[in-house]
Protein backbone atom coordinates (compact mmCIF):
# COMPACT_ATOMS: atom_id res chain seq x y z
CA MET A 1 24.31 -22.50 16.10
CA ALA A 2 20.77 -21.76 17.87
CA VAL A 3 18.57 -19.13 17.66
CA ASP A 4 17.67 -17.56 20.78
CA ALA A 5 14.08 -16.54 21.75
CA SER A 6 13.04 -13.93 24.46
CA ARG A 7 9.69 -12.76 25.18
CA GLU A 8 8.21 -9.31 26.05
CA ARG A 9 4.43 -8.68 27.24
CA VAL A 10 2.92 -5.81 25.42
CA GLY A 11 -0.38 -4.24 24.96
CA GLN A 12 -1.47 -6.37 21.82
CA GLY A 13 -0.02 -9.47 23.57
CA THR A 14 3.42 -10.94 23.43
CA ILE A 15 6.22 -10.12 21.16
CA ILE A 16 8.93 -13.11 20.83
CA ARG A 17 12.20 -11.96 19.76
CA PHE A 18 14.47 -14.41 17.80
CA LYS A 19 18.18 -13.46 18.07
CA ARG A 20 21.48 -15.05 17.07
CA SER A 21 24.56 -13.73 18.49
CA GLY A 22 22.81 -10.53 19.43
CA ASP A 23 21.45 -9.98 16.08
CA LEU A 24 17.69 -9.71 15.76
CA LYS A 25 16.33 -12.00 13.11
CA ALA A 26 12.74 -12.11 13.51
CA GLN A 27 9.64 -11.28 15.84
CA LEU A 28 6.58 -13.16 16.57
CA LEU A 29 3.36 -11.18 17.64
CA VAL A 30 1.13 -13.62 19.41
CA PRO A 31 -2.20 -11.82 20.43
CA LYS A 32 -3.42 -11.67 23.77
CA GLU A 33 -6.69 -13.25 23.00
CA GLY A 34 -7.07 -15.42 20.02
CA GLY A 35 -9.15 -18.65 20.81
CA ILE A 36 -8.26 -21.92 19.17
CA ASN A 37 -6.95 -20.36 15.81
CA PRO A 38 -5.18 -17.08 16.80
CA VAL A 39 -3.87 -14.65 14.12
CA VAL A 40 -0.32 -14.20 14.39
CA SER A 41 2.31 -11.77 12.67
CA PHE A 42 5.79 -12.75 12.08
CA PHE A 43 8.16 -10.04 10.61
CA TRP A 44 11.71 -9.34 10.45
CA PRO A 45 14.23 -6.24 9.47
CA GLY A 46 15.47 -5.52 5.97
CA TRP A 47 14.78 -4.50 2.45
CA THR A 48 12.66 -6.99 0.10
CA SER A 49 13.63 -7.41 -3.45
CA LEU A 50 11.37 -6.46 -6.69
CA ASP A 51 11.75 -10.16 -7.56
CA THR A 52 10.28 -11.32 -4.11
CA VAL A 53 7.37 -9.12 -4.63
CA HIS A 54 6.48 -10.15 -8.27
CA ALA A 55 6.86 -13.77 -7.20
CA LEU A 56 4.64 -13.14 -4.19
CA ILE A 57 1.92 -11.67 -6.47
CA GLU A 58 2.36 -14.94 -8.92
CA GLN A 59 1.95 -17.33 -5.88
CA PHE A 60 -1.06 -15.76 -4.21
CA PHE A 61 -3.04 -13.87 -6.91
CA LEU A 62 -5.04 -16.99 -7.82
CA PRO A 63 -8.37 -17.93 -9.60
CA GLN A 64 -11.25 -17.46 -6.96
CA THR A 65 -9.10 -15.02 -4.59
CA ASP A 66 -10.09 -11.74 -3.41
CA PHE A 67 -6.58 -9.89 -3.92
CA LYS A 68 -5.61 -6.30 -2.86
CA LEU A 69 -2.39 -4.41 -3.38
CA ARG A 70 -1.28 -1.11 -2.13
CA VAL A 71 2.14 0.58 -3.13
CA VAL A 72 2.85 3.57 -0.93
CA GLN A 73 5.97 6.03 -2.15
CA THR A 74 6.78 9.32 -0.80
CA SER A 75 4.66 11.41 -3.29
CA TYR A 76 1.74 9.02 -4.24
CA VAL A 77 -0.29 5.90 -3.28
CA SER A 78 -1.34 3.04 -5.74
CA ASP A 79 -4.17 0.48 -5.05
CA PHE A 80 -5.21 -2.83 -7.13
CA GLU A 81 -7.99 -4.83 -6.05
CA PHE A 82 -9.28 -7.71 -7.72
CA SER A 83 -12.59 -9.80 -6.71
CA PRO A 84 -14.04 -12.62 -8.81
CA VAL A 85 -17.71 -11.99 -9.18
CA THR A 86 -18.23 -15.73 -10.41
CA GLY A 87 -16.24 -18.92 -10.78
CA GLU A 88 -16.26 -18.33 -14.67
CA GLU A 89 -13.59 -15.72 -14.76
CA SER A 90 -11.62 -16.64 -18.11
CA GLU A 91 -8.01 -17.05 -18.40
CA ALA A 92 -7.22 -13.81 -20.61
CA GLY A 93 -9.11 -12.10 -17.94
CA LEU A 94 -7.08 -13.39 -14.94
CA ASN A 95 -3.77 -12.76 -17.18
CA HIS A 96 -4.97 -9.24 -17.62
CA HIS A 97 -5.45 -8.61 -13.96
CA HIS A 98 -2.00 -10.34 -13.09
CA HIS A 99 -0.40 -7.85 -15.59
CA LEU A 100 -1.95 -4.73 -13.98
CA ALA A 101 -1.02 -6.09 -10.51
CA HIS A 102 2.74 -6.41 -11.63
CA GLN A 103 2.61 -2.87 -13.41
CA ILE A 104 2.15 -0.87 -10.30
CA ILE A 105 5.04 -2.20 -8.16
CA PRO A 106 7.77 0.60 -8.83
CA GLU A 107 10.83 0.29 -10.61
CA PRO A 108 13.94 0.67 -8.20
CA GLY A 109 14.33 3.91 -6.72
CA SER A 110 13.16 5.70 -3.64
CA PRO A 111 12.03 3.54 -0.91
CA SER A 112 8.33 2.08 -1.20
CA SER A 113 6.26 0.13 1.04
CA ILE A 114 3.99 -2.83 -0.16
CA ARG A 115 0.59 -4.18 1.26
CA MET A 116 -0.62 -7.17 0.00
CA CYS A 117 -3.66 -9.52 0.98
CA ALA A 118 -5.18 -12.60 -0.44
CA GLU A 119 -8.26 -14.42 0.79
CA THR A 120 -9.46 -17.41 -1.02
CA LEU A 121 -12.96 -18.28 -1.69
CA GLU A 122 -12.13 -21.91 -2.30
CA ASN A 123 -11.15 -24.63 0.31
CA ARG A 124 -7.55 -24.22 0.16
CA SER A 125 -4.62 -22.94 2.54
CA PRO A 126 -3.85 -20.39 3.18
CA ARG A 127 -7.41 -18.94 3.38
CA ALA A 128 -6.44 -15.67 4.05
CA ILE A 129 -2.82 -13.86 4.29
CA TYR A 130 -1.69 -10.40 4.81
CA MET A 131 2.05 -9.35 3.83
CA TRP A 132 4.04 -6.14 3.62
CA ALA A 133 7.43 -5.36 2.88
CA THR A 134 9.63 -2.50 2.01
CA LEU A 135 11.41 -1.87 -1.05
CA GLY A 136 14.84 -0.12 -0.80
CA SER A 137 18.74 -0.43 -1.00
CA GLY A 138 21.61 0.35 1.39
CA ASP A 139 22.30 -0.23 4.71
CA TRP A 140 19.22 -0.20 6.37
CA GLN A 141 20.90 -0.62 10.07
CA THR A 142 21.53 3.00 9.82
CA LEU A 143 18.01 4.16 9.32
CA SER A 144 15.95 5.82 12.02
CA PRO A 145 13.52 5.83 13.43
CA ARG A 146 12.45 2.49 12.17
CA PRO A 147 14.35 0.15 9.89
CA PRO A 148 12.50 -1.34 6.73
CA GLU A 149 10.58 -4.48 7.49
CA ALA A 150 8.52 -7.50 6.00
CA GLY A 151 6.06 -9.68 7.26
CA ILE A 152 3.16 -11.66 7.32
CA ARG A 153 -0.15 -12.14 9.21
CA CYS A 154 -2.27 -15.12 9.13
CA SER A 155 -3.85 -17.64 11.25
CA LEU A 156 -2.25 -20.33 13.04
CA GLN A 157 -4.44 -22.92 11.19
CA ASP A 158 -2.77 -21.53 7.95
CA TRP A 159 0.67 -21.68 9.06
CA ASN A 160 1.70 -23.90 6.26
CA LEU A 161 5.65 -24.55 5.47
CA GLU A 162 4.76 -25.83 2.18
CA THR A 163 3.03 -22.50 1.11
CA PHE A 164 6.14 -20.58 2.63
CA ASP A 165 8.90 -22.54 1.18
CA LYS A 166 7.99 -21.20 -2.28
CA VAL A 167 9.01 -17.49 -1.83
CA LEU A 168 8.78 -16.30 1.83
CA ILE A 169 11.39 -18.63 3.40
CA PRO A 170 13.96 -18.26 0.91
CA ALA A 171 13.42 -14.36 0.83
CA PHE A 172 13.40 -14.46 4.53
CA ARG A 173 16.92 -16.48 4.81
CA GLY A 174 18.36 -14.20 2.46
CA THR A 175 17.68 -11.16 4.10
CA VAL A 176 18.54 -12.13 7.70
CA HIS A 177 21.47 -14.41 6.66
CA LEU A 178 20.48 -17.69 8.11
CA ASP A 179 21.13 -21.01 6.13
CA ARG A 180 18.04 -22.85 4.77
CA GLU A 181 17.88 -25.47 7.64
CA ASP A 182 18.11 -22.70 10.19
CA ALA A 183 15.48 -20.51 8.49
CA ARG A 184 13.15 -23.36 7.89
CA ASP A 185 13.38 -24.62 11.56
CA LEU A 186 12.50 -21.10 12.80
CA TRP A 187 9.35 -20.87 10.77
CA GLU A 188 8.41 -24.27 11.81
CA SER A 189 8.86 -23.31 15.69
CA VAL A 190 6.26 -20.89 15.51
CA PRO A 191 3.12 -22.87 16.26
CA SER A 192 5.15 -24.37 19.20
CA HIS A 193 6.22 -20.96 20.72
CA VAL A 194 2.44 -19.92 20.28
CA ALA A 195 1.44 -22.80 22.24
CA VAL A 196 3.91 -22.16 25.00
CA GLU A 197 2.60 -18.69 25.18
CA PHE A 198 -1.01 -19.56 25.39
CA ALA A 199 -0.21 -22.24 28.12
CA ALA A 200 1.76 -19.71 30.13
CA VAL A 201 -1.31 -17.16 29.97
CA GLY A 202 -3.78 -19.86 30.90
């Protein structure tokens, strides 16, 4: 069954909503102006598991990467930041910082929001990616005024399915209840939706 797309112009640009049988599966924010390589935001409703957050740290906290992590809970905020000074960071040092990043992720309990940013100093994709997620459990559809959400923000040039297939797409399809093929097709369609939007604006 196809996923339907609808568009709405907002102050920041255009939001494209992807639905199936009336159920919202994801949203894409295309900026009003972005040049030839716009930064797009793709996000979806639902909780994110602890395993997914830890897997994202493992995937994106790499050598020669500026890495920032923020955990927001009801009573406190925890921040972690790592920036390599030189290309000579020892393996032991990197392992130590990996351990510290994992340590600030809370155990299951009250809802927590996660913000993660990785920017590589090397010539690899994605050069920069920002991710957010909400940890929790239960029926999120009864929550108001805003349900839990997960998403990513990166440039269109860095929209790389090979990168997303490792953790993000599996986490997405498990959350919004799409099979593997439909979930991947939706992510693969993002560049074409952006192109159509800029063509319409132009």
